[in-house]
Amino acid sequence: MRIGIFGTGGMADALGTHWARAGHELMISGRSDPGALARRLGAATGAWHETAAFADVLLLAVPAGAIGKVLAQAGPLAGKALVDCTNDPGLTGAPVASRIVTDAHVVKAFNLAPTDVWRLTPPAWDGRPLAVPLCGDDPAAVEKVSTLVRDVGAKPVHAGGLDRAALLEATAAFVIGLWFAGEDAQAILAPS
């Protein structure tokens, strides 16, 4: 699969590393120089619009405040899957569609765990792969992102339409806050 990565930070690095190992072709764009990350991953670099044109799937891994500007510079994204892994506690609860204005098929994913979890190979505990909820309205886009979740070594969980993405963001704000406070966030859910 051809994957475009918008961003050069921790999530772009962690997920891009897994996808490069899985044999995907990558192109990276960033506000800062994407060259170092691209060289490490064996990826190409390009401007926002070049990465958008290249990719079948795009990872949106930029600060929430930069999303509008990045998408405007990316140009038309019709028919592409856009993976939104961003979290902004100030916007939690606002519909994703009101913040990410695009003609792409948005799939909310990879936002429930901090970057270091995504650096694990694979992200698993006690032999159980990490479950990754996916919220999206386009079945083909959700299936593409499901493939990328499996390529990371995790398990995709179809969690409903994009209207449920605000629930994922609220969960992320709650759970990641527990982790950073030193609590065992896994312990809040009873094992089945």
C-alpha atoms as a PDB file:
ATOM      1  CA  MET A   1       0.000   0.000   0.000  1.00  0.00           C
ATOM      2  CA  ARG A   2       1.161   3.564  -0.629  1.00  0.00           C
ATOM      3  CA  ILE A   3       1.025   5.489   2.640  1.00  0.00           C
ATOM      4  CA  GLY A   4       1.463   9.228   2.976  1.00  0.00           C
ATOM      5  CA  ILE A   5       2.406  10.533   6.396  1.00  0.00           C
ATOM      6  CA  PHE A   6       1.541  14.098   7.312  1.00  0.00           C
ATOM      7  CA  GLY A   7       3.876  14.876  10.221  1.00  0.00           C
ATOM      8  CA  THR A   8       7.325  13.993  11.506  1.00  0.00           C
ATOM      9  CA  GLY A   9       6.740  13.553  15.239  1.00  0.00           C
ATOM     10  CA  GLY A  10       6.466  10.527  17.485  1.00  0.00           C
ATOM     11  CA  MET A  11       3.321   8.988  16.008  1.00  0.00           C
ATOM     12  CA  ALA A  12       4.605   9.400  12.437  1.00  0.00           C
ATOM     13  CA  ASP A  13       7.860   7.752  13.479  1.00  0.00           C
ATOM     14  CA  ALA A  14       6.349   4.884  15.490  1.00  0.00           C
ATOM     15  CA  LEU A  15       3.612   3.904  13.025  1.00  0.00           C
ATOM     16  CA  GLY A  16       5.785   4.598   9.984  1.00  0.00           C
ATOM     17  CA  THR A  17       8.445   2.239  11.353  1.00  0.00           C
ATOM     18  CA  HIS A  18       5.933  -0.615  11.542  1.00  0.00           C
ATOM     19  CA  TRP A  19       4.557   0.096   8.074  1.00  0.00           C
ATOM     20  CA  ALA A  20       8.005   0.316   6.499  1.00  0.00           C
ATOM     21  CA  ARG A  21       8.855  -3.090   8.043  1.00  0.00           C
ATOM     22  CA  ALA A  22       5.621  -4.477   6.592  1.00  0.00           C
ATOM     23  CA  GLY A  23       6.780  -3.444   3.115  1.00  0.00           C
ATOM     24  CA  HIS A  24       4.533  -0.459   2.483  1.00  0.00           C
ATOM     25  CA  GLU A  25       5.773   2.383   0.301  1.00  0.00           C
ATOM     26  CA  LEU A  26       5.921   5.630   2.310  1.00  0.00           C
ATOM     27  CA  MET A  27       6.128   9.354   1.581  1.00  0.00           C
ATOM     28  CA  ILE A  28       6.443  11.916   4.379  1.00  0.00           C
ATOM     29  CA  SER A  29       5.602  15.614   4.610  1.00  0.00           C
ATOM     30  CA  GLY A  30       6.205  17.848   7.576  1.00  0.00           C
ATOM     31  CA  ARG A  31       6.439  21.400   8.794  1.00  0.00           C
ATOM     32  CA  SER A  32       9.954  20.608   9.925  1.00  0.00           C
ATOM     33  CA  ASP A  33      12.407  18.780   7.677  1.00  0.00           C
ATOM     34  CA  PRO A  34      11.033  15.276   7.022  1.00  0.00           C
ATOM     35  CA  GLY A  35      14.394  14.114   5.601  1.00  0.00           C
ATOM     36  CA  ALA A  36      15.826  12.445   8.712  1.00  0.00           C
ATOM     37  CA  LEU A  37      12.686  10.398   9.374  1.00  0.00           C
ATOM     38  CA  ALA A  38      12.312   9.548   5.687  1.00  0.00           C
ATOM     39  CA  ARG A  39      15.913   8.300   5.443  1.00  0.00           C
ATOM     40  CA  ARG A  40      15.482   6.140   8.533  1.00  0.00           C
ATOM     41  CA  LEU A  41      12.271   4.614   7.156  1.00  0.00           C
ATOM     42  CA  GLY A  42      13.460   4.312   3.567  1.00  0.00           C
ATOM     43  CA  ALA A  43      10.690   6.716   2.564  1.00  0.00           C
ATOM     44  CA  ALA A  44      10.394   9.533   0.061  1.00  0.00           C
ATOM     45  CA  THR A  45       9.646  13.118   1.026  1.00  0.00           C
ATOM     46  CA  GLY A  46       7.324  15.570  -0.624  1.00  0.00           C
ATOM     47  CA  ALA A  47       5.276  18.684  -0.149  1.00  0.00           C
ATOM     48  CA  TRP A  48       1.818  18.223   1.361  1.00  0.00           C
ATOM     49  CA  HIS A  49       0.146  18.056  -2.068  1.00  0.00           C
ATOM     50  CA  GLU A  50       2.766  15.616  -3.434  1.00  0.00           C
ATOM     51  CA  THR A  51       2.293  13.257  -0.510  1.00  0.00           C
ATOM     52  CA  ALA A  52      -1.478  13.474  -0.909  1.00  0.00           C
ATOM     53  CA  ALA A  53      -1.262  12.646  -4.618  1.00  0.00           C
ATOM     54  CA  PHE A  54       1.101   9.719  -3.946  1.00  0.00           C
ATOM     55  CA  ALA A  55      -0.880   7.975  -1.220  1.00  0.00           C
ATOM     56  CA  ASP A  56      -3.758   5.524  -1.069  1.00  0.00           C
ATOM     57  CA  VAL A  57      -3.940   6.118   2.685  1.00  0.00           C
ATOM     58  CA  LEU A  58      -2.806   9.199   4.602  1.00  0.00           C
ATOM     59  CA  LEU A  59      -1.848   9.367   8.274  1.00  0.00           C
ATOM     60  CA  LEU A  60      -2.739  12.711   9.833  1.00  0.00           C
ATOM     61  CA  ALA A  61      -0.129  13.054  12.606  1.00  0.00           C
ATOM     62  CA  VAL A  62       0.204  16.804  13.043  1.00  0.00           C
ATOM     63  CA  PRO A  63      -0.779  19.006  15.982  1.00  0.00           C
ATOM     64  CA  ALA A  64      -4.531  19.556  16.023  1.00  0.00           C
ATOM     65  CA  GLY A  65      -4.075  23.281  15.469  1.00  0.00           C
ATOM     66  CA  ALA A  66      -2.288  22.627  12.157  1.00  0.00           C
ATOM     67  CA  ILE A  67      -4.871  20.291  10.634  1.00  0.00           C
ATOM     68  CA  GLY A  68      -6.785  22.909   8.640  1.00  0.00           C
ATOM     69  CA  LYS A  69      -3.662  24.448   7.130  1.00  0.00           C
ATOM     70  CA  VAL A  70      -2.145  21.059   6.245  1.00  0.00           C
ATOM     71  CA  LEU A  71      -5.324  19.813   4.583  1.00  0.00           C
ATOM     72  CA  ALA A  72      -5.711  23.058   2.642  1.00  0.00           C
ATOM     73  CA  GLN A  73      -2.153  22.686   1.300  1.00  0.00           C
ATOM     74  CA  ALA A  74      -2.690  18.977   0.566  1.00  0.00           C
ATOM     75  CA  GLY A  75      -5.389  19.725  -1.983  1.00  0.00           C
ATOM     76  CA  PRO A  76      -8.117  17.313  -3.090  1.00  0.00           C
ATOM     77  CA  LEU A  77      -8.223  13.997  -1.219  1.00  0.00           C
ATOM     78  CA  ALA A  78     -11.362  12.473  -2.744  1.00  0.00           C
ATOM     79  CA  GLY A  79     -11.437   8.702  -2.471  1.00  0.00           C
ATOM     80  CA  LYS A  80      -8.461   8.467  -0.106  1.00  0.00           C
ATOM     81  CA  ALA A  81      -8.545   7.093   3.418  1.00  0.00           C
ATOM     82  CA  LEU A  82      -7.341   9.645   5.989  1.00  0.00           C
ATOM     83  CA  VAL A  83      -6.322   8.178   9.349  1.00  0.00           C
ATOM     84  CA  ASP A  84      -6.852  10.688  12.162  1.00  0.00           C
ATOM     85  CA  CYS A  85      -4.671   9.772  15.159  1.00  0.00           C
ATOM     86  CA  THR A  86      -4.793  13.260  16.689  1.00  0.00           C
ATOM     87  CA  ASN A  87      -6.056  14.192  20.123  1.00  0.00           C
ATOM     88  CA  ASP A  88      -6.827  17.684  21.380  1.00  0.00           C
ATOM     89  CA  PRO A  89      -8.425  17.745  24.854  1.00  0.00           C
ATOM     90  CA  GLY A  90      -9.682  21.261  24.115  1.00  0.00           C
ATOM     91  CA  LEU A  91     -11.746  19.924  21.232  1.00  0.00           C
ATOM     92  CA  THR A  92     -12.879  16.630  22.746  1.00  0.00           C
ATOM     93  CA  GLY A  93     -16.537  16.160  22.030  1.00  0.00           C
ATOM     94  CA  ALA A  94     -16.589  18.323  18.905  1.00  0.00           C
ATOM     95  CA  PRO A  95     -17.528  16.224  15.870  1.00  0.00           C
ATOM     96  CA  VAL A  96     -14.465  15.218  13.856  1.00  0.00           C
ATOM     97  CA  ALA A  97     -16.194  16.343  10.662  1.00  0.00           C
ATOM     98  CA  SER A  98     -16.372  19.905  12.015  1.00  0.00           C
ATOM     99  CA  ARG A  99     -12.602  19.995  12.623  1.00  0.00           C
ATOM    100  CA  ILE A 100     -11.340  17.922   9.704  1.00  0.00           C
ATOM    101  CA  VAL A 101     -12.968  19.382   6.625  1.00  0.00           C
ATOM    102  CA  THR A 102     -11.955  17.157   3.721  1.00  0.00           C
ATOM    103  CA  ASP A 103     -13.300  15.098   0.870  1.00  0.00           C
ATOM    104  CA  ALA A 104     -11.261  12.100   2.111  1.00  0.00           C
ATOM    105  CA  HIS A 105     -12.801   9.175   3.986  1.00  0.00           C
ATOM    106  CA  VAL A 106     -11.751   9.890   7.583  1.00  0.00           C
ATOM    107  CA  VAL A 107     -11.092   6.973   9.940  1.00  0.00           C
ATOM    108  CA  LYS A 108     -10.347   7.761  13.596  1.00  0.00           C
ATOM    109  CA  ALA A 109      -7.715   5.304  14.875  1.00  0.00           C
ATOM    110  CA  PHE A 110      -4.467   4.924  16.834  1.00  0.00           C
ATOM    111  CA  ASN A 111      -5.376   7.685  19.302  1.00  0.00           C
ATOM    112  CA  LEU A 112      -5.968   5.713  22.504  1.00  0.00           C
ATOM    113  CA  ALA A 113      -2.346   4.966  23.386  1.00  0.00           C
ATOM    114  CA  PRO A 114       0.674   7.194  23.847  1.00  0.00           C
ATOM    115  CA  THR A 115       3.485   7.113  21.302  1.00  0.00           C
ATOM    116  CA  ASP A 116       5.692   4.746  23.314  1.00  0.00           C
ATOM    117  CA  VAL A 117       3.054   2.014  23.096  1.00  0.00           C
ATOM    118  CA  TRP A 118       3.213   2.218  19.307  1.00  0.00           C
ATOM    119  CA  ARG A 119       6.974   1.694  19.457  1.00  0.00           C
ATOM    120  CA  LEU A 120       6.465  -1.808  20.925  1.00  0.00           C
ATOM    121  CA  THR A 121       6.962  -4.675  18.482  1.00  0.00           C
ATOM    122  CA  PRO A 122       4.217  -5.791  18.627  1.00  0.00           C
ATOM    123  CA  PRO A 123       2.085  -3.689  20.986  1.00  0.00           C
ATOM    124  CA  ALA A 124       0.844  -6.553  23.163  1.00  0.00           C
ATOM    125  CA  TRP A 125       0.394  -7.451  26.828  1.00  0.00           C
ATOM    126  CA  ASP A 126       0.413 -10.962  28.227  1.00  0.00           C
ATOM    127  CA  GLY A 127       0.248 -12.311  24.681  1.00  0.00           C
ATOM    128  CA  ARG A 128      -2.849 -10.227  23.843  1.00  0.00           C
ATOM    129  CA  PRO A 129      -2.463  -7.773  20.959  1.00  0.00           C
ATOM    130  CA  LEU A 130      -3.548  -4.214  21.579  1.00  0.00           C
ATOM    131  CA  ALA A 131      -7.076  -3.606  20.275  1.00  0.00           C
ATOM    132  CA  VAL A 132      -7.443  -0.497  18.113  1.00  0.00           C
ATOM    133  CA  PRO A 133     -10.958   0.940  17.790  1.00  0.00           C
ATOM    134  CA  LEU A 134     -11.730   2.343  14.326  1.00  0.00           C
ATOM    135  CA  CYS A 135     -14.494   4.858  13.645  1.00  0.00           C
ATOM    136  CA  GLY A 136     -15.295   5.599  10.030  1.00  0.00           C
ATOM    137  CA  ASP A 137     -18.182   5.818   7.605  1.00  0.00           C
ATOM    138  CA  ASP A 138     -16.619   4.307   4.483  1.00  0.00           C
ATOM    139  CA  PRO A 139     -16.257   0.486   4.673  1.00  0.00           C
ATOM    140  CA  ALA A 140     -13.397   0.378   2.142  1.00  0.00           C
ATOM    141  CA  ALA A 141     -11.423   3.016   4.071  1.00  0.00           C
ATOM    142  CA  VAL A 142     -12.044   1.214   7.375  1.00  0.00           C
ATOM    143  CA  GLU A 143     -10.802  -2.029   5.789  1.00  0.00           C
ATOM    144  CA  LYS A 144      -7.601  -0.350   4.529  1.00  0.00           C
ATOM    145  CA  VAL A 145      -6.933   1.048   8.000  1.00  0.00           C
ATOM    146  CA  SER A 146      -7.699  -2.391   9.495  1.00  0.00           C
ATOM    147  CA  THR A 147      -4.883  -3.776   7.356  1.00  0.00           C
ATOM    148  CA  LEU A 148      -2.529  -1.118   8.724  1.00  0.00           C
ATOM    149  CA  VAL A 149      -3.586  -1.936  12.294  1.00  0.00           C
ATOM    150  CA  ARG A 150      -2.771  -5.618  11.701  1.00  0.00           C
ATOM    151  CA  ASP A 151       0.580  -4.610  10.149  1.00  0.00           C
ATOM    152  CA  VAL A 152       1.444  -2.870  13.430  1.00  0.00           C
ATOM    153  CA  GLY A 153       0.709  -6.140  15.248  1.00  0.00           C
ATOM    154  CA  ALA A 154      -2.549  -4.963  16.775  1.00  0.00           C
ATOM    155  CA  LYS A 155      -6.180  -6.017  16.376  1.00  0.00           C
ATOM    156  CA  PRO A 156      -8.662  -3.761  14.558  1.00  0.00           C
ATOM    157  CA  VAL A 157     -12.009  -3.263  16.300  1.00  0.00           C
ATOM    158  CA  HIS A 158     -14.786  -1.736  14.222  1.00  0.00           C
ATOM    159  CA  ALA A 159     -16.352   0.774  16.618  1.00  0.00           C
ATOM    160  CA  GLY A 160     -18.968   2.437  14.452  1.00  0.00           C
ATOM    161  CA  GLY A 161     -19.244   5.495  12.279  1.00  0.00           C
ATOM    162  CA  LEU A 162     -17.283   8.714  12.423  1.00  0.00           C
ATOM    163  CA  ASP A 163     -20.010  10.159  14.656  1.00  0.00           C
ATOM    164  CA  ARG A 164     -18.563   7.945  17.426  1.00  0.00           C
ATOM    165  CA  ALA A 165     -15.040   9.387  17.075  1.00  0.00           C
ATOM    166  CA  ALA A 166     -15.726  11.974  19.783  1.00  0.00           C
ATOM    167  CA  LEU A 167     -16.165   9.054  22.191  1.00  0.00           C
ATOM    168  CA  LEU A 168     -12.694   7.770  21.257  1.00  0.00           C
ATOM    169  CA  GLU A 169     -11.209  11.206  21.850  1.00  0.00           C
ATOM    170  CA  ALA A 170     -12.878  11.532  25.250  1.00  0.00           C
ATOM    171  CA  THR A 171     -11.651   8.049  26.151  1.00  0.00           C
ATOM    172  CA  ALA A 172      -8.130   9.002  25.085  1.00  0.00           C
ATOM    173  CA  ALA A 173      -8.166  12.132  27.235  1.00  0.00           C
ATOM    174  CA  PHE A 174      -9.269  10.055  30.224  1.00  0.00           C
ATOM    175  CA  VAL A 175      -7.036   6.987  29.753  1.00  0.00           C
ATOM    176  CA  ILE A 176      -3.843   8.732  28.667  1.00  0.00           C
ATOM    177  CA  GLY A 177      -4.236  11.044  31.666  1.00  0.00           C
ATOM    178  CA  LEU A 178      -4.290   7.962  33.903  1.00  0.00           C
ATOM    179  CA  TRP A 179      -1.159   6.547  32.260  1.00  0.00           C
ATOM    180  CA  PHE A 180       0.751   9.794  32.674  1.00  0.00           C
ATOM    181  CA  ALA A 181      -0.311   9.860  36.338  1.00  0.00           C
ATOM    182  CA  GLY A 182       1.330   6.446  36.739  1.00  0.00           C
ATOM    183  CA  GLU A 183      -1.897   4.459  36.963  1.00  0.00           C
ATOM    184  CA  ASP A 184      -2.561   1.120  35.258  1.00  0.00           C
ATOM    185  CA  ALA A 185      -5.242   2.143  32.776  1.00  0.00           C
ATOM    186  CA  GLN A 186      -5.764  -1.487  31.730  1.00  0.00           C
ATOM    187  CA  ALA A 187      -6.942  -2.274  35.248  1.00  0.00           C
ATOM    188  CA  ILE A 188     -10.056  -0.118  34.862  1.00  0.00           C
ATOM    189  CA  LEU A 189     -11.691  -2.674  32.564  1.00  0.00           C
ATOM    190  CA  ALA A 190     -12.527  -6.127  33.862  1.00  0.00           C
ATOM    191  CA  PRO A 191     -10.984  -8.904  31.752  1.00  0.00           C
ATOM    192  CA  SER A 192     -13.434 -11.042  29.844  1.00  0.00           C
END
